[in-house]
Amino acid sequence: MAFRRRTKSYPLFSQEFVIHNHADIGFCLVLCVLIGLMFEVTAKTAFLFILPQYNVSVPTADSETVHYHYGPKDLVTILFYIFITIILHAVVQEYILDKISKRLHLSKVKHSKFNESGQLVIFHLSSVVWCFYVVVTEGYLTNPRSLWEDYPHVYLPFQVKFFYLCQLAYWLHALPELYFQKVRKEEIPRQLQYICLYLVHIAGAYLLNLSRLGLILLLLQYCTEFIFHMARLFYFADENNEKLFNAWAAVFGVTRLFILTLAVLAIGFGLARMENQAFDPEKGNFNTLLCRLCVLLLVCAAQAWLMWRFIHSQLRHWREYWNEQSAKRRGPAAPRLPARLIKRESGYHENGVVKAENGTSPRTKKLKSP
């Protein structure tokens, strides 16, 4: 299964070979795991890659339900879904984004940003739909007190744990994609910043058993990011279309306010009133004053940094806009008329009389005949 048409062959396992064939290599590894399900000897190992581990039967009023908690084996499952994400990334890039970008005739800088926004639009849209479904079915929206009640939330439903594993796999796959997609050096620091920011927050919510609060915050953040990247795609298609950027600017500030409010409400007030406030990593309890302050400081610092970058970006755009408007008001400078070419006699004028430069008369002298 070839994802890209190639006209040139590269040496086996060379740098260019890995870059141009990374999706095919990932597909072969995934295929080996799936083939392992067909044999009894390797089926147990194959399930370790595919399904979430650490399932526990939790008794309920009617029957027993299967829940999950985290552990070291989750790294194996995340690794498998990293390869799945790399394959999907290549499919979207070749069969959707490359075909659209050829029609737009973008420059190299805009082409790189178009690919980035195209990938993130699809990811954010699918994540918003999935996260909203999980939040509604688990009842976290109808009962906000469930965000901190019965903490620690050690045992997770299947769909919650699988959602977190896929989220971690996606943002971890984004690190090698910087190399595979040959991202420009100027763009790497910016992309590393938001990739690491997502990894820290998602992994923190997962490991500190704040999965319910993390789902709500991710839902709000992904909605904002979806609008932003959709606005960028419309802008690349038509540079005069900037209406979605105005909508994103309005939603961005409201989202920051909601995230800070929920974080302070759930961590600063909800967990602070819980009776069980002992540090016990074995039971998954991190409800101590120091842990709560660290989590709140991290969330507030991230939101302040995002807001500062947003304000800085808006001021720069407004400055460029007003410079363009002032340039249009001035209008183009009037072209200078070419000066008339006036034929003058040699010498200079003094009191209306033409005199020669060397003091002699400008008139021609008559030669006397001998």
Protein backbone atom coordinates (compact mmCIF):
# COMPACT_ATOMS: atom_id res chain seq x y z
CA MET A 1 0.00 0.00 0.00
CA ALA A 2 1.79 3.13 -1.21
CA PHE A 3 0.70 6.50 0.11
CA ARG A 4 2.77 8.69 -2.23
CA ARG A 5 3.73 8.50 -5.85
CA ARG A 6 7.47 8.40 -6.18
CA THR A 7 9.59 8.93 -9.23
CA LYS A 8 12.92 8.53 -7.47
CA SER A 9 14.27 5.64 -5.42
CA TYR A 10 16.36 6.22 -2.31
CA PRO A 11 18.93 3.98 -0.60
CA LEU A 12 17.37 1.56 1.86
CA PHE A 13 16.96 3.00 5.39
CA SER A 14 18.53 6.30 4.38
CA GLN A 15 17.17 9.58 5.71
CA GLU A 16 15.17 10.35 2.57
CA PHE A 17 13.90 6.76 2.42
CA VAL A 18 12.47 6.98 5.95
CA ILE A 19 10.91 10.42 5.30
CA HIS A 20 9.17 9.38 2.08
CA ASN A 21 8.11 5.93 3.32
CA HIS A 22 7.35 6.51 7.02
CA ALA A 23 3.61 5.89 6.53
CA ASP A 24 4.28 2.61 4.69
CA ILE A 25 6.66 1.51 7.45
CA GLY A 26 4.04 2.31 10.09
CA PHE A 27 1.40 0.41 8.11
CA CYS A 28 3.63 -2.69 8.00
CA LEU A 29 4.13 -2.58 11.78
CA VAL A 30 0.38 -2.20 12.40
CA LEU A 31 -0.30 -5.06 10.00
CA CYS A 32 2.11 -7.32 11.93
CA VAL A 33 0.21 -6.63 15.16
CA LEU A 34 -3.13 -7.37 13.50
CA ILE A 35 -1.79 -10.62 12.05
CA GLY A 36 -0.72 -11.56 15.58
CA LEU A 37 -4.39 -11.66 16.58
CA MET A 38 -4.91 -14.65 14.28
CA PHE A 39 -2.61 -16.98 16.27
CA GLU A 40 -3.21 -18.16 19.79
CA VAL A 41 0.46 -17.86 20.76
CA THR A 42 0.73 -14.15 19.84
CA ALA A 43 -2.88 -13.07 20.44
CA LYS A 44 -2.28 -12.11 24.07
CA THR A 45 0.65 -9.89 23.11
CA ALA A 46 -1.30 -8.35 20.23
CA PHE A 47 -4.19 -7.43 22.54
CA LEU A 48 -1.66 -5.63 24.70
CA PHE A 49 -1.10 -3.19 21.81
CA ILE A 50 -4.69 -2.78 20.71
CA LEU A 51 -6.91 -2.74 23.81
CA PRO A 52 -6.61 -0.65 26.99
CA GLN A 53 -5.17 -2.61 29.92
CA TYR A 54 -5.82 -2.77 33.68
CA ASN A 55 -9.53 -3.58 33.56
CA VAL A 56 -11.31 -4.02 36.91
CA SER A 57 -14.86 -5.20 37.64
CA VAL A 58 -16.60 -2.63 39.82
CA PRO A 59 -19.83 -3.77 41.55
CA THR A 60 -22.88 -1.56 41.12
CA ALA A 61 -26.44 -1.66 42.45
CA ASP A 62 -27.72 -3.78 39.55
CA SER A 63 -24.65 -5.63 38.26
CA GLU A 64 -20.93 -5.26 37.67
CA THR A 65 -19.33 -2.81 35.25
CA VAL A 66 -15.83 -2.95 33.81
CA HIS A 67 -13.64 0.05 34.50
CA TYR A 68 -9.97 0.78 33.87
CA HIS A 69 -7.07 2.47 35.60
CA TYR A 70 -3.70 3.53 34.24
CA GLY A 71 -0.34 1.79 34.40
CA PRO A 72 2.98 1.26 32.55
CA LYS A 73 1.37 -0.99 29.91
CA ASP A 74 -0.52 2.02 28.60
CA LEU A 75 2.73 3.11 26.92
CA VAL A 76 2.55 0.07 24.63
CA THR A 77 -1.03 0.90 23.63
CA ILE A 78 -0.10 4.53 23.02
CA LEU A 79 2.80 3.41 20.81
CA PHE A 80 0.46 1.33 18.65
CA TYR A 81 -1.95 4.23 18.17
CA ILE A 82 0.93 6.55 17.34
CA PHE A 83 1.52 4.43 14.23
CA ILE A 84 -2.21 4.45 13.49
CA THR A 85 -2.18 8.25 13.69
CA ILE A 86 0.86 8.50 11.40
CA ILE A 87 -0.98 6.44 8.78
CA LEU A 88 -4.13 8.58 9.03
CA HIS A 89 -1.99 11.72 8.85
CA ALA A 90 -0.45 10.55 5.57
CA VAL A 91 -3.85 9.59 4.10
CA VAL A 92 -5.36 13.00 4.90
CA GLN A 93 -2.27 14.78 3.57
CA GLU A 94 -2.17 13.00 0.22
CA TYR A 95 -5.82 12.46 -0.63
CA ILE A 96 -7.30 15.70 0.74
CA LEU A 97 -4.84 18.49 1.52
CA ASP A 98 -2.41 18.01 -1.37
CA LYS A 99 -5.23 18.06 -3.92
CA ILE A 100 -6.71 21.25 -2.45
CA SER A 101 -3.37 23.06 -2.12
CA LYS A 102 -2.54 22.40 -5.80
CA ARG A 103 -5.62 24.37 -6.84
CA LEU A 104 -4.83 27.28 -4.52
CA HIS A 105 -1.22 27.81 -5.74
CA LEU A 106 0.09 28.84 -2.33
CA SER A 107 3.58 30.01 -1.47
CA LYS A 108 5.90 27.80 0.60
CA VAL A 109 5.09 29.59 3.87
CA LYS A 110 1.33 29.52 3.28
CA HIS A 111 1.51 25.93 2.04
CA SER A 112 3.12 24.83 5.32
CA LYS A 113 0.49 26.65 7.40
CA PHE A 114 -2.30 25.31 5.19
CA ASN A 115 -1.17 21.72 5.82
CA GLU A 116 -0.91 22.37 9.56
CA SER A 117 -4.37 23.89 9.79
CA GLY A 118 -5.90 21.23 7.55
CA GLN A 119 -4.65 18.43 9.76
CA LEU A 120 -5.71 20.19 12.96
CA VAL A 121 -9.19 21.03 11.65
CA ILE A 122 -9.92 17.35 11.08
CA PHE A 123 -8.41 16.37 14.43
CA HIS A 124 -10.19 19.08 16.45
CA LEU A 125 -13.54 18.39 14.78
CA SER A 126 -13.37 14.66 15.49
CA SER A 127 -12.12 15.29 19.05
CA VAL A 128 -14.92 17.80 19.77
CA VAL A 129 -17.60 15.36 18.59
CA TRP A 130 -16.02 12.45 20.48
CA CYS A 131 -15.41 14.45 23.67
CA PHE A 132 -18.91 15.91 23.64
CA TYR A 133 -20.39 12.42 23.26
CA VAL A 134 -18.33 11.12 26.21
CA VAL A 135 -19.21 14.09 28.42
CA VAL A 136 -22.93 13.79 27.69
CA THR A 137 -23.17 10.00 28.08
CA GLU A 138 -21.20 10.05 31.33
CA GLY A 139 -23.36 12.86 32.75
CA TYR A 140 -20.57 15.36 33.45
CA LEU A 141 -22.48 18.27 31.88
CA THR A 142 -25.75 17.70 33.70
CA ASN A 143 -23.99 17.22 37.05
CA PRO A 144 -21.06 19.66 37.42
CA ARG A 145 -20.42 18.49 40.99
CA SER A 146 -19.26 15.16 39.58
CA LEU A 147 -16.07 16.92 38.46
CA TRP A 148 -14.74 16.81 42.02
CA GLU A 149 -17.06 14.49 43.92
CA ASP A 150 -15.81 10.98 44.77
CA TYR A 151 -12.22 12.00 44.09
CA PRO A 152 -9.88 10.28 43.24
CA HIS A 153 -11.44 9.10 39.98
CA VAL A 154 -9.15 6.11 39.68
CA TYR A 155 -11.50 3.84 37.75
CA LEU A 156 -12.39 5.14 34.31
CA PRO A 157 -15.00 3.93 31.83
CA PHE A 158 -13.66 2.38 28.65
CA GLN A 159 -14.51 5.35 26.44
CA VAL A 160 -12.84 7.83 28.81
CA LYS A 161 -9.58 5.91 29.03
CA PHE A 162 -9.52 5.19 25.30
CA PHE A 163 -10.10 8.89 24.59
CA TYR A 164 -7.12 9.89 26.72
CA LEU A 165 -4.87 7.24 25.14
CA CYS A 166 -5.76 8.45 21.64
CA GLN A 167 -5.18 12.08 22.62
CA LEU A 168 -1.73 11.30 23.98
CA ALA A 169 -0.94 9.24 20.87
CA TYR A 170 -1.91 12.11 18.55
CA TRP A 171 0.19 14.77 20.26
CA LEU A 172 3.14 12.39 20.60
CA HIS A 173 2.93 11.57 16.90
CA ALA A 174 3.15 15.30 16.14
CA LEU A 175 6.78 15.33 17.34
CA PRO A 176 8.22 12.99 14.65
CA GLU A 177 5.89 14.57 12.08
CA LEU A 178 7.93 17.77 12.39
CA TYR A 179 10.81 15.74 10.91
CA PHE A 180 8.77 13.76 8.40
CA GLN A 181 6.98 16.84 7.01
CA LYS A 182 10.24 18.84 6.82
CA VAL A 183 8.81 21.74 8.78
CA ARG A 184 10.79 24.96 8.43
CA LYS A 185 13.19 25.76 11.28
CA GLU A 186 11.34 29.03 11.96
CA GLU A 187 8.10 27.13 12.59
CA ILE A 188 9.50 24.37 14.83
CA PRO A 189 9.71 26.37 18.13
CA ARG A 190 6.12 27.61 17.78
CA GLN A 191 4.76 24.14 17.07
CA LEU A 192 6.83 22.56 19.86
CA GLN A 193 5.31 25.02 22.31
CA TYR A 194 1.70 24.06 21.77
CA ILE A 195 2.49 20.35 21.35
CA CYS A 196 4.25 20.25 24.72
CA LEU A 197 1.49 22.36 26.27
CA TYR A 198 -1.17 19.85 25.23
CA LEU A 199 0.94 16.88 26.34
CA VAL A 200 1.55 18.35 29.79
CA HIS A 201 -2.12 19.18 30.41
CA ILE A 202 -3.55 15.92 29.03
CA ALA A 203 -0.99 13.73 30.77
CA GLY A 204 -1.43 15.72 34.00
CA ALA A 205 -5.20 15.27 34.00
CA TYR A 206 -4.79 11.55 33.23
CA LEU A 207 -2.12 10.79 35.83
CA LEU A 208 -3.54 12.99 38.61
CA ASN A 209 -7.00 11.39 38.20
CA LEU A 210 -8.58 14.66 37.08
CA SER A 211 -9.97 13.06 33.93
CA ARG A 212 -13.48 14.51 34.28
CA LEU A 213 -12.29 18.08 34.59
CA GLY A 214 -9.78 17.47 31.79
CA LEU A 215 -12.55 16.39 29.41
CA ILE A 216 -14.51 19.62 29.93
CA LEU A 217 -11.44 21.82 29.53
CA LEU A 218 -10.35 19.96 26.39
CA LEU A 219 -13.82 20.35 24.91
CA LEU A 220 -13.69 24.13 25.39
CA GLN A 221 -10.13 24.43 24.08
CA TYR A 222 -10.72 22.26 21.00
CA CYS A 223 -13.81 24.25 20.02
CA THR A 224 -11.75 27.45 20.00
CA GLU A 225 -8.89 25.87 18.07
CA PHE A 226 -11.27 24.43 15.49
CA ILE A 227 -12.68 27.89 14.73
CA PHE A 228 -9.17 29.37 14.45
CA HIS A 229 -7.81 26.79 12.02
CA MET A 230 -11.02 26.85 9.99
CA ALA A 231 -10.63 30.64 9.72
CA ARG A 232 -7.07 30.17 8.48
CA LEU A 233 -8.21 27.74 5.77
CA PHE A 234 -10.86 30.19 4.55
CA TYR A 235 -8.26 32.96 4.58
CA PHE A 236 -5.88 30.94 2.41
CA ALA A 237 -8.71 30.29 -0.05
CA ASP A 238 -9.73 33.98 -0.09
CA GLU A 239 -7.57 36.62 1.60
CA ASN A 240 -10.52 39.00 1.89
CA ASN A 241 -12.47 36.51 4.01
CA GLU A 242 -11.64 37.38 7.64
CA LYS A 243 -15.08 37.08 9.28
CA LEU A 244 -14.22 33.82 11.04
CA PHE A 245 -11.17 35.46 12.63
CA ASN A 246 -13.49 37.98 14.30
CA ALA A 247 -15.65 35.14 15.60
CA TRP A 248 -12.56 33.32 16.87
CA ALA A 249 -11.31 36.46 18.65
CA ALA A 250 -14.62 36.75 20.51
CA VAL A 251 -14.74 33.05 21.44
CA PHE A 252 -11.09 32.98 22.49
CA GLY A 253 -11.48 35.42 25.38
CA VAL A 254 -14.70 33.78 26.59
CA THR A 255 -13.02 30.35 26.52
CA ARG A 256 -10.12 31.57 28.65
CA LEU A 257 -12.61 32.91 31.20
CA PHE A 258 -14.59 29.64 31.31
CA ILE A 259 -11.43 27.51 31.67
CA LEU A 260 -10.12 29.59 34.57
CA THR A 261 -13.52 29.62 36.26
CA LEU A 262 -13.97 25.84 36.01
CA ALA A 263 -10.42 25.16 37.17
CA VAL A 264 -10.76 27.39 40.22
CA LEU A 265 -14.24 26.04 41.01
CA ALA A 266 -13.28 22.35 40.76
CA ILE A 267 -9.76 22.46 42.20
CA GLY A 268 -9.74 25.53 44.41
CA PHE A 269 -13.17 25.05 45.99
CA GLY A 270 -14.47 21.57 45.18
CA LEU A 271 -11.42 19.47 46.04
CA ALA A 272 -10.52 21.75 48.94
CA ARG A 273 -13.77 20.80 50.69
CA MET A 274 -13.28 17.07 50.29
CA GLU A 275 -12.61 15.14 53.49
CA ASN A 276 -9.95 12.88 52.02
CA GLN A 277 -6.95 15.21 51.64
CA ALA A 278 -4.00 12.85 52.07
CA PHE A 279 -1.17 12.29 49.60
CA ASP A 280 -1.43 8.63 48.63
CA PRO A 281 -0.03 7.79 45.14
CA GLU A 282 -0.89 4.10 45.54
CA LYS A 283 -4.58 4.94 45.81
CA GLY A 284 -4.28 7.74 43.26
CA ASN A 285 -5.05 10.50 45.75
CA PHE A 286 -3.20 13.77 45.10
CA ASN A 287 -5.65 16.03 46.91
CA THR A 288 -3.21 18.09 48.96
CA LEU A 289 -2.74 21.84 49.21
CA LEU A 290 0.60 21.74 47.39
CA CYS A 291 -0.75 19.65 44.50
CA ARG A 292 -3.81 21.85 44.11
CA LEU A 293 -1.69 25.00 44.06
CA CYS A 294 0.67 23.50 41.47
CA VAL A 295 -2.20 22.47 39.20
CA LEU A 296 -3.92 25.85 39.50
CA LEU A 297 -0.64 27.66 38.89
CA LEU A 298 -0.01 25.59 35.76
CA VAL A 299 -3.51 26.22 34.37
CA CYS A 300 -3.46 29.94 35.17
CA ALA A 301 0.05 30.39 33.74
CA ALA A 302 -0.92 28.60 30.51
CA GLN A 303 -4.07 30.70 30.08
CA ALA A 304 -2.19 33.94 30.84
CA TRP A 305 0.49 33.03 28.30
CA LEU A 306 -2.11 32.23 25.64
CA MET A 307 -3.94 35.49 26.37
CA TRP A 308 -0.71 37.50 26.17
CA ARG A 309 0.13 35.98 22.79
CA PHE A 310 -3.41 36.66 21.59
CA ILE A 311 -3.28 40.34 22.63
CA HIS A 312 0.18 40.76 21.11
CA SER A 313 -1.02 39.22 17.84
CA GLN A 314 -4.17 41.35 17.73
CA LEU A 315 -2.21 44.55 18.33
CA ARG A 316 0.16 43.67 15.52
CA HIS A 317 -2.71 42.99 13.12
CA TRP A 318 -4.47 46.21 14.07
CA ARG A 319 -1.24 48.16 13.55
CA GLU A 320 -0.82 46.65 10.09
CA TYR A 321 -4.48 47.35 9.28
CA TRP A 322 -4.28 51.02 10.24
CA ASN A 323 -1.04 51.44 8.30
CA GLU A 324 -2.77 50.06 5.22
CA GLN A 325 -5.78 52.34 5.74
CA SER A 326 -3.62 55.43 6.17
CA ALA A 327 -1.67 54.53 3.04
CA LYS A 328 -4.94 54.23 1.07
CA ARG A 329 -6.19 57.60 2.32
CA ARG A 330 -3.05 59.37 1.17
CA GLY A 331 -3.52 58.02 -2.32
CA PRO A 332 -0.80 57.50 -4.89
CA ALA A 333 1.64 60.39 -5.37
CA ALA A 334 0.92 62.57 -8.44
CA PRO A 335 3.37 61.79 -11.24
CA ARG A 336 5.74 64.60 -12.12
CA LEU A 337 5.30 66.16 -15.55
CA PRO A 338 8.41 66.07 -17.72
CA ALA A 339 10.06 69.45 -17.96
CA ARG A 340 9.84 71.17 -21.32
CA LEU A 341 12.95 71.11 -23.31
CA ILE A 342 13.70 74.75 -24.09
CA LYS A 343 16.27 75.50 -26.71
CA ARG A 344 18.47 78.24 -25.43
CA GLU A 345 21.24 80.08 -27.08
CA SER A 346 24.71 79.52 -25.83
CA GLY A 347 25.78 81.87 -23.06
CA TYR A 348 23.64 83.58 -20.44
CA HIS A 349 21.12 86.41 -20.32
CA GLU A 350 21.78 89.74 -18.67
CA ASN A 351 19.18 92.50 -18.95
CA GLY A 352 17.61 90.75 -21.92
CA VAL A 353 20.88 90.56 -23.82
CA VAL A 354 22.54 87.26 -24.58
CA LYS A 355 26.20 87.27 -23.60
CA ALA A 356 28.78 84.63 -24.15
CA GLU A 357 30.23 82.65 -21.31
CA ASN A 358 33.80 83.70 -22.12
CA GLY A 359 32.95 87.37 -22.44
CA THR A 360 32.91 87.45 -26.24
CA SER A 361 29.91 88.33 -28.32
CA PRO A 362 27.71 85.42 -29.17
CA ARG A 363 27.30 86.70 -32.72
CA THR A 364 29.46 85.19 -35.41
CA LYS A 365 32.22 87.40 -36.69
CA LYS A 366 32.50 88.22 -40.36
CA LEU A 367 35.81 87.39 -41.93
CA LYS A 368 37.42 90.22 -43.82
CA SER A 369 38.34 89.47 -47.35
CA PRO A 370 42.04 89.99 -48.10
